[in-house]
Amino acid sequence: MLEDPAQISIQIQPMRIVIHGTGGVGGYFGACLAHAGHEVFFIARGKHLEAIKNNGLLVKSHLGGFHLDTPHAGKVCDPDFKPDLVIVGVKSWQLQEAGSQIKKYCLPDTLVLPLQNGVNASDL
């Protein structure tokens, strides 16, 4: 006899995730993953990076909001951080540069998930 689905317990191992491009898309998904218990490293630059380091990340949603006080963040990935997953959240015109950087910290079994916006993203 099959088990009652309501009684099945699934344990998910925390992943190590890099968010390469912490803007609206990358920041949202990365913050949600960190809030869910995954270890996330946020890559940003300029004023975005400064704001993350000074203020953390704030998610506002109709589903409820939360704040990450001290997310791990930098202009480049910490060389000791070996990711299971890289989420690419850069603009399509930034892909070539991002790809060069991502190669430096990916392992052979690292998954890469592009979350591109823009109508011409597939043309690159």
PDB file of N, CA and C in Angstrom:
ATOM      1  N   MET A   1       0.833  -1.174   0.000  1.00  0.00           N
ATOM      2  CA  MET A   1       0.000   0.000   0.000  1.00  0.00           C
ATOM      3  C   MET A   1       0.891   1.256   0.000  1.00  0.00           C
ATOM      4  N   LEU A   2       0.515   2.257  -0.770  1.00  0.00           N
ATOM      5  CA  LEU A   2       1.285   3.497  -0.857  1.00  0.00           C
ATOM      6  C   LEU A   2       1.130   4.329   0.399  1.00  0.00           C
ATOM      7  N   GLU A   3       2.194   5.059   0.717  1.00  0.00           N
ATOM      8  CA  GLU A   3       2.144   5.947   1.872  1.00  0.00           C
ATOM      9  C   GLU A   3       1.263   7.150   1.579  1.00  0.00           C
ATOM     10  N   ASP A   4       0.687   7.689   2.617  1.00  0.00           N
ATOM     11  CA  ASP A   4      -0.097   8.917   2.515  1.00  0.00           C
ATOM     12  C   ASP A   4       0.868  10.054   2.175  1.00  0.00           C
ATOM     13  N   PRO A   5       0.684  10.769   1.046  1.00  0.00           N
ATOM     14  CA  PRO A   5       1.613  11.843   0.661  1.00  0.00           C
ATOM     15  C   PRO A   5       1.800  12.902   1.744  1.00  0.00           C
ATOM     16  N   ALA A   6       0.786  13.126   2.568  1.00  0.00           N
ATOM     17  CA  ALA A   6       0.900  14.122   3.632  1.00  0.00           C
ATOM     18  C   ALA A   6       1.873  13.674   4.713  1.00  0.00           C
ATOM     19  N   GLN A   7       2.190  12.387   4.762  1.00  0.00           N
ATOM     20  CA  GLN A   7       3.074  11.844   5.786  1.00  0.00           C
ATOM     21  C   GLN A   7       4.512  11.679   5.308  1.00  0.00           C
ATOM     22  N   ILE A   8       4.777  11.956   4.036  1.00  0.00           N
ATOM     23  CA  ILE A   8       6.117  11.796   3.486  1.00  0.00           C
ATOM     24  C   ILE A   8       6.953  13.023   3.841  1.00  0.00           C
ATOM     25  N   SER A   9       8.128  12.783   4.373  1.00  0.00           N
ATOM     26  CA  SER A   9       9.030  13.855   4.753  1.00  0.00           C
ATOM     27  C   SER A   9      10.227  13.844   3.794  1.00  0.00           C
ATOM     28  N   ILE A  10      10.532  14.993   3.246  1.00  0.00           N
ATOM     29  CA  ILE A  10      11.668  15.127   2.342  1.00  0.00           C
ATOM     30  C   ILE A  10      12.699  16.020   3.007  1.00  0.00           C
ATOM     31  N   GLN A  11      13.927  15.536   3.057  1.00  0.00           N
ATOM     32  CA  GLN A  11      15.007  16.350   3.597  1.00  0.00           C
ATOM     33  C   GLN A  11      15.881  16.823   2.449  1.00  0.00           C
ATOM     34  N   ILE A  12      16.040  18.111   2.354  1.00  0.00           N
ATOM     35  CA  ILE A  12      16.833  18.707   1.292  1.00  0.00           C
ATOM     36  C   ILE A  12      18.150  19.200   1.875  1.00  0.00           C
ATOM     37  N   GLN A  13      19.249  18.775   1.266  1.00  0.00           N
ATOM     38  CA  GLN A  13      20.564  19.231   1.700  1.00  0.00           C
ATOM     39  C   GLN A  13      20.772  20.679   1.251  1.00  0.00           C
ATOM     40  N   PRO A  14      21.270  21.517   2.131  1.00  0.00           N
ATOM     41  CA  PRO A  14      21.561  22.891   1.711  1.00  0.00           C
ATOM     42  C   PRO A  14      22.593  22.907   0.585  1.00  0.00           C
ATOM     43  N   MET A  15      22.378  23.803  -0.362  1.00  0.00           N
ATOM     44  CA  MET A  15      23.296  23.951  -1.490  1.00  0.00           C
ATOM     45  C   MET A  15      24.161  25.184  -1.278  1.00  0.00           C
ATOM     46  N   ARG A  16      25.276  25.192  -1.991  1.00  0.00           N
ATOM     47  CA  ARG A  16      26.138  26.377  -2.061  1.00  0.00           C
ATOM     48  C   ARG A  16      25.854  27.019  -3.405  1.00  0.00           C
ATOM     49  N   ILE A  17      25.390  28.264  -3.372  1.00  0.00           N
ATOM     50  CA  ILE A  17      24.886  28.920  -4.575  1.00  0.00           C
ATOM     51  C   ILE A  17      25.558  30.270  -4.750  1.00  0.00           C
ATOM     52  N   VAL A  18      25.984  30.549  -5.981  1.00  0.00           N
ATOM     53  CA  VAL A  18      26.497  31.876  -6.335  1.00  0.00           C
ATOM     54  C   VAL A  18      25.433  32.575  -7.171  1.00  0.00           C
ATOM     55  N   ILE A  19      25.144  33.804  -6.811  1.00  0.00           N
ATOM     56  CA  ILE A  19      24.274  34.659  -7.619  1.00  0.00           C
ATOM     57  C   ILE A  19      25.203  35.612  -8.352  1.00  0.00           C
ATOM     58  N   HIS A  20      25.380  35.365  -9.645  1.00  0.00           N
ATOM     59  CA  HIS A  20      26.275  36.208 -10.445  1.00  0.00           C
ATOM     60  C   HIS A  20      25.418  37.272 -11.127  1.00  0.00           C
ATOM     61  N   GLY A  21      25.333  38.423 -10.480  1.00  0.00           N
ATOM     62  CA  GLY A  21      24.483  39.515 -10.944  1.00  0.00           C
ATOM     63  C   GLY A  21      23.343  39.710  -9.969  1.00  0.00           C
ATOM     64  N   THR A  22      23.591  40.482  -8.921  1.00  0.00           N
ATOM     65  CA  THR A  22      22.603  40.659  -7.857  1.00  0.00           C
ATOM     66  C   THR A  22      21.817  41.932  -8.088  1.00  0.00           C
ATOM     67  N   GLY A  23      20.965  41.892  -9.093  1.00  0.00           N
ATOM     68  CA  GLY A  23      20.034  42.981  -9.347  1.00  0.00           C
ATOM     69  C   GLY A  23      18.652  42.547  -8.889  1.00  0.00           C
ATOM     70  N   GLY A  24      17.642  42.973  -9.624  1.00  0.00           N
ATOM     71  CA  GLY A  24      16.272  42.630  -9.255  1.00  0.00           C
ATOM     72  C   GLY A  24      16.001  41.139  -9.284  1.00  0.00           C
ATOM     73  N   VAL A  25      16.390  40.473 -10.352  1.00  0.00           N
ATOM     74  CA  VAL A  25      16.129  39.036 -10.492  1.00  0.00           C
ATOM     75  C   VAL A  25      17.065  38.227  -9.599  1.00  0.00           C
ATOM     76  N   GLY A  26      18.366  38.417  -9.746  1.00  0.00           N
ATOM     77  CA  GLY A  26      19.331  37.664  -8.953  1.00  0.00           C
ATOM     78  C   GLY A  26      19.188  37.927  -7.465  1.00  0.00           C
ATOM     79  N   GLY A  27      18.960  39.181  -7.098  1.00  0.00           N
ATOM     80  CA  GLY A  27      18.804  39.524  -5.690  1.00  0.00           C
ATOM     81  C   GLY A  27      17.594  38.852  -5.068  1.00  0.00           C
ATOM     82  N   TYR A  28      16.489  38.833  -5.802  1.00  0.00           N
ATOM     83  CA  TYR A  28      15.267  38.213  -5.276  1.00  0.00           C
ATOM     84  C   TYR A  28      15.445  36.713  -5.074  1.00  0.00           C
ATOM     85  N   PHE A  29      15.859  36.016  -6.138  1.00  0.00           N
ATOM     86  CA  PHE A  29      15.990  34.561  -6.031  1.00  0.00           C
ATOM     87  C   PHE A  29      17.087  34.165  -5.049  1.00  0.00           C
ATOM     88  N   GLY A  30      18.207  34.894  -5.049  1.00  0.00           N
ATOM     89  CA  GLY A  30      19.280  34.589  -4.115  1.00  0.00           C
ATOM     90  C   GLY A  30      18.858  34.801  -2.672  1.00  0.00           C
ATOM     91  N   ALA A  31      18.162  35.895  -2.409  1.00  0.00           N
ATOM     92  CA  ALA A  31      17.699  36.159  -1.050  1.00  0.00           C
ATOM     93  C   ALA A  31      16.704  35.089  -0.600  1.00  0.00           C
ATOM     94  N   CYS A  32      15.802  34.687  -1.484  1.00  0.00           N
ATOM     95  CA  CYS A  32      14.845  33.628  -1.135  1.00  0.00           C
ATOM     96  C   CYS A  32      15.561  32.318  -0.830  1.00  0.00           C
ATOM     97  N   LEU A  33      16.579  31.983  -1.619  1.00  0.00           N
ATOM     98  CA  LEU A  33      17.335  30.748  -1.382  1.00  0.00           C
ATOM     99  C   LEU A  33      18.120  30.825  -0.064  1.00  0.00           C
ATOM    100  N   ALA A  34      18.707  31.977   0.227  1.00  0.00           N
ATOM    101  CA  ALA A  34      19.426  32.148   1.494  1.00  0.00           C
ATOM    102  C   ALA A  34      18.454  32.062   2.666  1.00  0.00           C
ATOM    103  N   HIS A  35      17.306  32.688   2.517  1.00  0.00           N
ATOM    104  CA  HIS A  35      16.277  32.662   3.564  1.00  0.00           C
ATOM    105  C   HIS A  35      15.791  31.232   3.828  1.00  0.00           C
ATOM    106  N   ALA A  36      15.819  30.394   2.785  1.00  0.00           N
ATOM    107  CA  ALA A  36      15.391  28.995   2.907  1.00  0.00           C
ATOM    108  C   ALA A  36      16.481  28.098   3.501  1.00  0.00           C
ATOM    109  N   GLY A  37      17.668  28.652   3.765  1.00  0.00           N
ATOM    110  CA  GLY A  37      18.709  27.888   4.428  1.00  0.00           C
ATOM    111  C   GLY A  37      19.891  27.483   3.572  1.00  0.00           C
ATOM    112  N   HIS A  38      19.927  27.930   2.318  1.00  0.00           N
ATOM    113  CA  HIS A  38      21.068  27.620   1.461  1.00  0.00           C
ATOM    114  C   HIS A  38      22.177  28.646   1.701  1.00  0.00           C
ATOM    115  N   GLU A  39      23.412  28.247   1.428  1.00  0.00           N
ATOM    116  CA  GLU A  39      24.558  29.145   1.568  1.00  0.00           C
ATOM    117  C   GLU A  39      24.732  29.872   0.241  1.00  0.00           C
ATOM    118  N   VAL A  40      24.565  31.178   0.255  1.00  0.00           N
ATOM    119  CA  VAL A  40      24.557  31.960  -0.988  1.00  0.00           C
ATOM    120  C   VAL A  40      25.636  33.023  -0.941  1.00  0.00           C
ATOM    121  N   PHE A  41      26.372  33.133  -2.060  1.00  0.00           N
ATOM    122  CA  PHE A  41      27.357  34.200  -2.237  1.00  0.00           C
ATOM    123  C   PHE A  41      26.854  35.095  -3.363  1.00  0.00           C
ATOM    124  N   PHE A  42      26.693  36.380  -3.084  1.00  0.00           N
ATOM    125  CA  PHE A  42      26.146  37.340  -4.041  1.00  0.00           C
ATOM    126  C   PHE A  42      27.280  38.116  -4.707  1.00  0.00           C
ATOM    127  N   ILE A  43      27.312  38.099  -6.025  1.00  0.00           N
ATOM    128  CA  ILE A  43      28.282  38.899  -6.763  1.00  0.00           C
ATOM    129  C   ILE A  43      27.567  40.131  -7.307  1.00  0.00           C
ATOM    130  N   ALA A  44      28.123  41.273  -6.970  1.00  0.00           N
ATOM    131  CA  ALA A  44      27.582  42.552  -7.424  1.00  0.00           C
ATOM    132  C   ALA A  44      28.764  43.494  -7.586  1.00  0.00           C
ATOM    133  N   ARG A  45      28.477  44.681  -8.053  1.00  0.00           N
ATOM    134  CA  ARG A  45      29.552  45.666  -8.180  1.00  0.00           C
ATOM    135  C   ARG A  45      28.995  47.060  -7.958  1.00  0.00           C
ATOM    136  N   GLY A  46      29.886  47.987  -7.804  1.00  0.00           N
ATOM    137  CA  GLY A  46      29.505  49.381  -7.662  1.00  0.00           C
ATOM    138  C   GLY A  46      28.560  49.645  -6.502  1.00  0.00           C
ATOM    139  N   LYS A  47      27.553  50.462  -6.790  1.00  0.00           N
ATOM    140  CA  LYS A  47      26.608  50.880  -5.750  1.00  0.00           C
ATOM    141  C   LYS A  47      25.754  49.714  -5.238  1.00  0.00           C
ATOM    142  N   HIS A  48      25.475  48.731  -6.111  1.00  0.00           N
ATOM    143  CA  HIS A  48      24.723  47.560  -5.644  1.00  0.00           C
ATOM    144  C   HIS A  48      25.498  46.827  -4.548  1.00  0.00           C
ATOM    145  N   LEU A  49      26.774  46.581  -4.792  1.00  0.00           N
ATOM    146  CA  LEU A  49      27.603  45.879  -3.815  1.00  0.00           C
ATOM    147  C   LEU A  49      27.717  46.678  -2.525  1.00  0.00           C
ATOM    148  N   GLU A  50      27.935  47.964  -2.653  1.00  0.00           N
ATOM    149  CA  GLU A  50      28.046  48.829  -1.475  1.00  0.00           C
ATOM    150  C   GLU A  50      26.754  48.788  -0.652  1.00  0.00           C
ATOM    151  N   ALA A  51      25.622  48.855  -1.319  1.00  0.00           N
ATOM    152  CA  ALA A  51      24.327  48.823  -0.621  1.00  0.00           C
ATOM    153  C   ALA A  51      24.105  47.484   0.076  1.00  0.00           C
ATOM    154  N   ILE A  52      24.469  46.379  -0.586  1.00  0.00           N
ATOM    155  CA  ILE A  52      24.306  45.052   0.021  1.00  0.00           C
ATOM    156  C   ILE A  52      25.179  44.934   1.272  1.00  0.00           C
ATOM    157  N   LYS A  53      26.418  45.384   1.172  1.00  0.00           N
ATOM    158  CA  LYS A  53      27.326  45.286   2.322  1.00  0.00           C
ATOM    159  C   LYS A  53      26.885  46.183   3.474  1.00  0.00           C
ATOM    160  N   ASN A  54      26.342  47.359   3.156  1.00  0.00           N
ATOM    161  CA  ASN A  54      25.932  48.298   4.202  1.00  0.00           C
ATOM    162  C   ASN A  54      24.550  48.015   4.769  1.00  0.00           C
ATOM    163  N   ASN A  55      23.632  47.538   3.928  1.00  0.00           N
ATOM    164  CA  ASN A  55      22.232  47.427   4.336  1.00  0.00           C
ATOM    165  C   ASN A  55      21.655  46.020   4.284  1.00  0.00           C
ATOM    166  N   GLY A  56      22.397  45.054   3.740  1.00  0.00           N
ATOM    167  CA  GLY A  56      21.837  43.716   3.545  1.00  0.00           C
ATOM    168  C   GLY A  56      20.904  43.700   2.343  1.00  0.00           C
ATOM    169  N   LEU A  57      20.045  42.706   2.292  1.00  0.00           N
ATOM    170  CA  LEU A  57      19.070  42.585   1.209  1.00  0.00           C
ATOM    171  C   LEU A  57      17.668  42.529   1.794  1.00  0.00           C
ATOM    172  N   LEU A  58      16.772  43.303   1.240  1.00  0.00           N
ATOM    173  CA  LEU A  58      15.385  43.354   1.686  1.00  0.00           C
ATOM    174  C   LEU A  58      14.499  42.839   0.573  1.00  0.00           C
ATOM    175  N   VAL A  59      13.669  41.858   0.878  1.00  0.00           N
ATOM    176  CA  VAL A  59      12.697  41.342  -0.090  1.00  0.00           C
ATOM    177  C   VAL A  59      11.317  41.796   0.355  1.00  0.00           C
ATOM    178  N   LYS A  60      10.608  42.453  -0.561  1.00  0.00           N
ATOM    179  CA  LYS A  60       9.216  42.844  -0.340  1.00  0.00           C
ATOM    180  C   LYS A  60       8.375  42.085  -1.355  1.00  0.00           C
ATOM    181  N   SER A  61       7.367  41.386  -0.877  1.00  0.00           N
ATOM    182  CA  SER A  61       6.551  40.571  -1.760  1.00  0.00           C
ATOM    183  C   SER A  61       5.133  40.482  -1.208  1.00  0.00           C
ATOM    184  N   HIS A  62       4.180  40.238  -2.084  1.00  0.00           N
ATOM    185  CA  HIS A  62       2.812  40.021  -1.624  1.00  0.00           C
ATOM    186  C   HIS A  62       2.709  38.723  -0.813  1.00  0.00           C
ATOM    187  N   LEU A  63       3.734  37.868  -0.902  1.00  0.00           N
ATOM    188  CA  LEU A  63       3.782  36.627  -0.128  1.00  0.00           C
ATOM    189  C   LEU A  63       4.396  36.844   1.254  1.00  0.00           C
ATOM    190  N   GLY A  64       4.904  38.029   1.484  1.00  0.00           N
ATOM    191  CA  GLY A  64       5.579  38.337   2.749  1.00  0.00           C
ATOM    192  C   GLY A  64       7.003  38.767   2.466  1.00  0.00           C
ATOM    193  N   GLY A  65       7.556  39.559   3.320  1.00  0.00           N
ATOM    194  CA  GLY A  65       8.905  40.053   3.116  1.00  0.00           C
ATOM    195  C   GLY A  65       9.845  39.589   4.206  1.00  0.00           C
ATOM    196  N   PHE A  66      11.124  39.821   3.977  1.00  0.00           N
ATOM    197  CA  PHE A  66      12.152  39.490   4.955  1.00  0.00           C
ATOM    198  C   PHE A  66      13.407  40.271   4.624  1.00  0.00           C
ATOM    199  N   HIS A  67      14.351  40.253   5.553  1.00  0.00           N
ATOM    200  CA  HIS A  67      15.602  40.989   5.401  1.00  0.00           C
ATOM    201  C   HIS A  67      16.771  40.069   5.709  1.00  0.00           C
ATOM    202  N   LEU A  68      17.770  40.045   4.840  1.00  0.00           N
ATOM    203  CA  LEU A  68      19.032  39.354   5.114  1.00  0.00           C
ATOM    204  C   LEU A  68      19.996  40.412   5.631  1.00  0.00           C
ATOM    205  N   ASP A  69      20.376  40.292   6.879  1.00  0.00           N
ATOM    206  CA  ASP A  69      21.213  41.324   7.495  1.00  0.00           C
ATOM    207  C   ASP A  69      22.617  41.394   6.913  1.00  0.00           C
ATOM    208  N   THR A  70      23.289  40.260   6.825  1.00  0.00           N
ATOM    209  CA  THR A  70      24.693  40.247   6.410  1.00  0.00           C
ATOM    210  C   THR A  70      24.955  39.162   5.361  1.00  0.00           C
ATOM    211  N   PRO A  71      24.435  39.345   4.156  1.00  0.00           N
ATOM    212  CA  PRO A  71      24.705  38.338   3.120  1.00  0.00           C
ATOM    213  C   PRO A  71      26.177  38.351   2.708  1.00  0.00           C
ATOM    214  N   HIS A  72      26.687  37.184   2.304  1.00  0.00           N
ATOM    215  CA  HIS A  72      28.050  37.085   1.781  1.00  0.00           C
ATOM    216  C   HIS A  72      28.040  37.704   0.391  1.00  0.00           C
ATOM    217  N   ALA A  73      28.871  38.712   0.164  1.00  0.00           N
ATOM    218  CA  ALA A  73      28.851  39.413  -1.117  1.00  0.00           C
ATOM    219  C   ALA A  73      30.240  39.917  -1.463  1.00  0.00           C
ATOM    220  N   GLY A  74      30.497  40.059  -2.758  1.00  0.00           N
ATOM    221  CA  GLY A  74      31.754  40.600  -3.232  1.00  0.00           C
ATOM    222  C   GLY A  74      31.684  40.906  -4.716  1.00  0.00           C
ATOM    223  N   LYS A  75      32.727  41.552  -5.204  1.00  0.00           N
ATOM    224  CA  LYS A  75      32.813  41.867  -6.636  1.00  0.00           C
ATOM    225  C   LYS A  75      33.159  40.623  -7.447  1.00  0.00           C
ATOM    226  N   VAL A  76      33.905  39.709  -6.830  1.00  0.00           N
ATOM    227  CA  VAL A  76      34.235  38.421  -7.430  1.00  0.00           C
ATOM    228  C   VAL A  76      33.930  37.344  -6.396  1.00  0.00           C
ATOM    229  N   CYS A  77      33.822  36.130  -6.842  1.00  0.00           N
ATOM    230  CA  CYS A  77      33.507  35.020  -5.948  1.00  0.00           C
ATOM    231  C   CYS A  77      34.681  34.702  -5.030  1.00  0.00           C
ATOM    232  N   ASP A  78      34.393  34.438  -3.796  1.00  0.00           N
ATOM    233  CA  ASP A  78      35.398  33.988  -2.833  1.00  0.00           C
ATOM    234  C   ASP A  78      36.023  32.703  -3.371  1.00  0.00           C
ATOM    235  N   PRO A  79      37.351  32.631  -3.506  1.00  0.00           N
ATOM    236  CA  PRO A  79      37.985  31.439  -4.087  1.00  0.00           C
ATOM    237  C   PRO A  79      37.756  30.164  -3.279  1.00  0.00           C
ATOM    238  N   ASP A  80      37.410  30.280  -1.999  1.00  0.00           N
ATOM    239  CA  ASP A  80      37.135  29.105  -1.180  1.00  0.00           C
ATOM    240  C   ASP A  80      35.678  28.647  -1.270  1.00  0.00           C
ATOM    241  N   PHE A  81      34.842  29.406  -1.938  1.00  0.00           N
ATOM    242  CA  PHE A  81      33.425  29.077  -2.063  1.00  0.00           C
ATOM    243  C   PHE A  81      33.247  28.233  -3.324  1.00  0.00           C
ATOM    244  N   LYS A  82      32.975  26.985  -3.169  1.00  0.00           N
ATOM    245  CA  LYS A  82      32.830  26.049  -4.291  1.00  0.00           C
ATOM    246  C   LYS A  82      31.346  25.774  -4.509  1.00  0.00           C
ATOM    247  N   PRO A  83      30.736  26.396  -5.520  1.00  0.00           N
ATOM    248  CA  PRO A  83      29.282  26.326  -5.661  1.00  0.00           C
ATOM    249  C   PRO A  83      28.763  25.027  -6.282  1.00  0.00           C
ATOM    250  N   ASP A  84      27.576  24.647  -5.825  1.00  0.00           N
ATOM    251  CA  ASP A  84      26.809  23.578  -6.460  1.00  0.00           C
ATOM    252  C   ASP A  84      26.010  24.144  -7.635  1.00  0.00           C
ATOM    253  N   LEU A  85      25.639  25.419  -7.518  1.00  0.00           N
ATOM    254  CA  LEU A  85      24.774  26.076  -8.492  1.00  0.00           C
ATOM    255  C   LEU A  85      25.212  27.520  -8.663  1.00  0.00           C
ATOM    256  N   VAL A  86      25.214  27.986  -9.904  1.00  0.00           N
ATOM    257  CA  VAL A  86      25.430  29.399 -10.203  1.00  0.00           C
ATOM    258  C   VAL A  86      24.183  29.897 -10.929  1.00  0.00           C
ATOM    259  N   ILE A  87      23.573  30.933 -10.389  1.00  0.00           N
ATOM    260  CA  ILE A  87      22.445  31.577 -11.057  1.00  0.00           C
ATOM    261  C   ILE A  87      22.980  32.850 -11.690  1.00  0.00           C
ATOM    262  N   VAL A  88      22.825  32.949 -13.001  1.00  0.00           N
ATOM    263  CA  VAL A  88      23.340  34.093 -13.756  1.00  0.00           C
ATOM    264  C   VAL A  88      22.205  35.093 -13.937  1.00  0.00           C
ATOM    265  N   GLY A  89      22.367  36.253 -13.325  1.00  0.00           N
ATOM    266  CA  GLY A  89      21.331  37.268 -13.380  1.00  0.00           C
ATOM    267  C   GLY A  89      21.797  38.565 -14.006  1.00  0.00           C
ATOM    268  N   VAL A  90      22.803  38.502 -14.874  1.00  0.00           N
ATOM    269  CA  VAL A  90      23.303  39.717 -15.523  1.00  0.00           C
ATOM    270  C   VAL A  90      22.484  40.027 -16.767  1.00  0.00           C
ATOM    271  N   LYS A  91      22.621  41.226 -17.262  1.00  0.00           N
ATOM    272  CA  LYS A  91      21.984  41.614 -18.530  1.00  0.00           C
ATOM    273  C   LYS A  91      22.676  40.881 -19.677  1.00  0.00           C
ATOM    274  N   SER A  92      21.976  40.718 -20.771  1.00  0.00           N
ATOM    275  CA  SER A  92      22.510  39.933 -21.890  1.00  0.00           C
ATOM    276  C   SER A  92      23.826  40.506 -22.422  1.00  0.00           C
ATOM    277  N   TRP A  93      23.993  41.813 -22.405  1.00  0.00           N
ATOM    278  CA  TRP A  93      25.229  42.406 -22.918  1.00  0.00           C
ATOM    279  C   TRP A  93      26.412  42.188 -21.980  1.00  0.00           C
ATOM    280  N   GLN A  94      26.152  41.673 -20.761  1.00  0.00           N
ATOM    281  CA  GLN A  94      27.216  41.401 -19.795  1.00  0.00           C
ATOM    282  C   GLN A  94      27.614  39.923 -19.771  1.00  0.00           C
ATOM    283  N   LEU A  95      27.011  39.102 -20.614  1.00  0.00           N
ATOM    284  CA  LEU A  95      27.227  37.658 -20.565  1.00  0.00           C
ATOM    285  C   LEU A  95      28.665  37.235 -20.833  1.00  0.00           C
ATOM    286  N   GLN A  96      29.313  37.847 -21.808  1.00  0.00           N
ATOM    287  CA  GLN A  96      30.677  37.433 -22.146  1.00  0.00           C
ATOM    288  C   GLN A  96      31.619  37.636 -20.959  1.00  0.00           C
ATOM    289  N   GLU A  97      31.546  38.783 -20.330  1.00  0.00           N
ATOM    290  CA  GLU A  97      32.388  39.053 -19.157  1.00  0.00           C
ATOM    291  C   GLU A  97      32.014  38.123 -17.998  1.00  0.00           C
ATOM    292  N   ALA A  98      30.725  37.941 -17.773  1.00  0.00           N
ATOM    293  CA  ALA A  98      30.281  37.055 -16.691  1.00  0.00           C
ATOM    294  C   ALA A  98      30.753  35.626 -16.928  1.00  0.00           C
ATOM    295  N   GLY A  99      30.668  35.165 -18.165  1.00  0.00           N
ATOM    296  CA  GLY A  99      31.111  33.808 -18.487  1.00  0.00           C
ATOM    297  C   GLY A  99      32.580  33.597 -18.171  1.00  0.00           C
ATOM    298  N   SER A 100      33.402  34.581 -18.473  1.00  0.00           N
ATOM    299  CA  SER A 100      34.838  34.486 -18.162  1.00  0.00           C
ATOM    300  C   SER A 100      35.073  34.382 -16.658  1.00  0.00           C
ATOM    301  N   GLN A 101      34.304  35.133 -15.879  1.00  0.00           N
ATOM    302  CA  GLN A 101      34.462  35.096 -14.424  1.00  0.00           C
ATOM    303  C   GLN A 101      33.935  33.783 -13.843  1.00  0.00           C
ATOM    304  N   ILE A 102      32.805  33.318 -14.352  1.00  0.00           N
ATOM    305  CA  ILE A 102      32.177  32.098 -13.838  1.00  0.00           C
ATOM    306  C   ILE A 102      33.089  30.892 -14.035  1.00  0.00           C
ATOM    307  N   LYS A 103      33.813  30.837 -15.137  1.00  0.00           N
ATOM    308  CA  LYS A 103      34.738  29.725 -15.396  1.00  0.00           C
ATOM    309  C   LYS A 103      35.787  29.591 -14.299  1.00  0.00           C
ATOM    310  N   LYS A 104      36.116  30.683 -13.640  1.00  0.00           N
ATOM    311  CA  LYS A 104      37.175  30.680 -12.629  1.00  0.00           C
ATOM    312  C   LYS A 104      36.760  29.975 -11.335  1.00  0.00           C
ATOM    313  N   TYR A 105      35.474  29.916 -11.045  1.00  0.00           N
ATOM    314  CA  TYR A 105      35.062  29.329  -9.770  1.00  0.00           C
ATOM    315  C   TYR A 105      34.114  28.138  -9.897  1.00  0.00           C
ATOM    316  N   CYS A 106      33.731  27.774 -11.092  1.00  0.00           N
ATOM    317  CA  CYS A 106      32.859  26.607 -11.277  1.00  0.00           C
ATOM    318  C   CYS A 106      33.658  25.320 -11.171  1.00  0.00           C
ATOM    319  N   LEU A 107      33.027  24.316 -10.624  1.00  0.00           N
ATOM    320  CA  LEU A 107      33.572  22.966 -10.593  1.00  0.00           C
ATOM    321  C   LEU A 107      32.982  22.189 -11.767  1.00  0.00           C
ATOM    322  N   PRO A 108      33.548  21.038 -12.119  1.00  0.00           N
ATOM    323  CA  PRO A 108      33.006  20.277 -13.258  1.00  0.00           C
ATOM    324  C   PRO A 108      31.529  19.899 -13.101  1.00  0.00           C
ATOM    325  N   ASP A 109      31.052  19.734 -11.866  1.00  0.00           N
ATOM    326  CA  ASP A 109      29.651  19.347 -11.675  1.00  0.00           C
ATOM    327  C   ASP A 109      28.754  20.492 -11.212  1.00  0.00           C
ATOM    328  N   THR A 110      29.242  21.739 -11.307  1.00  0.00           N
ATOM    329  CA  THR A 110      28.432  22.892 -10.943  1.00  0.00           C
ATOM    330  C   THR A 110      27.354  23.122 -11.992  1.00  0.00           C
ATOM    331  N   LEU A 111      26.121  23.291 -11.547  1.00  0.00           N
ATOM    332  CA  LEU A 111      25.028  23.631 -12.455  1.00  0.00           C
ATOM    333  C   LEU A 111      25.009  25.136 -12.671  1.00  0.00           C
ATOM    334  N   VAL A 112      24.696  25.565 -13.897  1.00  0.00           N
ATOM    335  CA  VAL A 112      24.585  26.986 -14.208  1.00  0.00           C
ATOM    336  C   VAL A 112      23.177  27.230 -14.727  1.00  0.00           C
ATOM    337  N   LEU A 113      22.463  28.133 -14.057  1.00  0.00           N
ATOM    338  CA  LEU A 113      21.086  28.461 -14.419  1.00  0.00           C
ATOM    339  C   LEU A 113      21.015  29.916 -14.854  1.00  0.00           C
ATOM    340  N   PRO A 114      20.849  30.175 -16.160  1.00  0.00           N
ATOM    341  CA  PRO A 114      20.716  31.569 -16.602  1.00  0.00           C
ATOM    342  C   PRO A 114      19.278  32.055 -16.420  1.00  0.00           C
ATOM    343  N   LEU A 115      19.136  33.194 -15.783  1.00  0.00           N
ATOM    344  CA  LEU A 115      17.836  33.846 -15.651  1.00  0.00           C
ATOM    345  C   LEU A 115      17.912  35.181 -16.385  1.00  0.00           C
ATOM    346  N   GLN A 116      17.942  35.087 -17.693  1.00  0.00           N
ATOM    347  CA  GLN A 116      18.106  36.274 -18.540  1.00  0.00           C
ATOM    348  C   GLN A 116      16.775  36.958 -18.780  1.00  0.00           C
ATOM    349  N   ASN A 117      16.857  38.261 -18.858  1.00  0.00           N
ATOM    350  CA  ASN A 117      15.722  39.016 -19.326  1.00  0.00           C
ATOM    351  C   ASN A 117      16.122  39.700 -20.622  1.00  0.00           C
ATOM    352  N   GLY A 118      15.186  40.179 -21.335  1.00  0.00           N
ATOM    353  CA  GLY A 118      15.485  40.850 -22.596  1.00  0.00           C
ATOM    354  C   GLY A 118      15.133  39.978 -23.783  1.00  0.00           C
ATOM    355  N   VAL A 119      14.585  40.605 -24.799  1.00  0.00           N
ATOM    356  CA  VAL A 119      14.119  39.852 -25.966  1.00  0.00           C
ATOM    357  C   VAL A 119      15.242  39.315 -26.823  1.00  0.00           C
ATOM    358  N   ASN A 120      16.441  39.863 -26.723  1.00  0.00           N
ATOM    359  CA  ASN A 120      17.547  39.422 -27.555  1.00  0.00           C
ATOM    360  C   ASN A 120      18.526  38.514 -26.822  1.00  0.00           C
ATOM    361  N   ALA A 121      18.198  38.061 -25.628  1.00  0.00           N
ATOM    362  CA  ALA A 121      19.132  37.271 -24.840  1.00  0.00           C
ATOM    363  C   ALA A 121      19.545  35.991 -25.551  1.00  0.00           C
ATOM    364  N   SER A 122      18.640  35.368 -26.292  1.00  0.00           N
ATOM    365  CA  SER A 122      18.969  34.101 -26.966  1.00  0.00           C
ATOM    366  C   SER A 122      19.867  34.303 -28.180  1.00  0.00           C
ATOM    367  N   ASP A 123      20.022  35.528 -28.651  1.00  0.00           N
ATOM    368  CA  ASP A 123      20.848  35.808 -29.819  1.00  0.00           C
ATOM    369  C   ASP A 123      22.329  35.865 -29.492  1.00  0.00           C
ATOM    370  N   LEU A 124      22.703  35.901 -28.231  1.00  0.00           N
ATOM    371  CA  LEU A 124      24.105  36.054 -27.838  1.00  0.00           C
ATOM    372  C   LEU A 124      24.827  34.738 -27.743  1.00  0.00           C
TER     373      LEU A 124
END
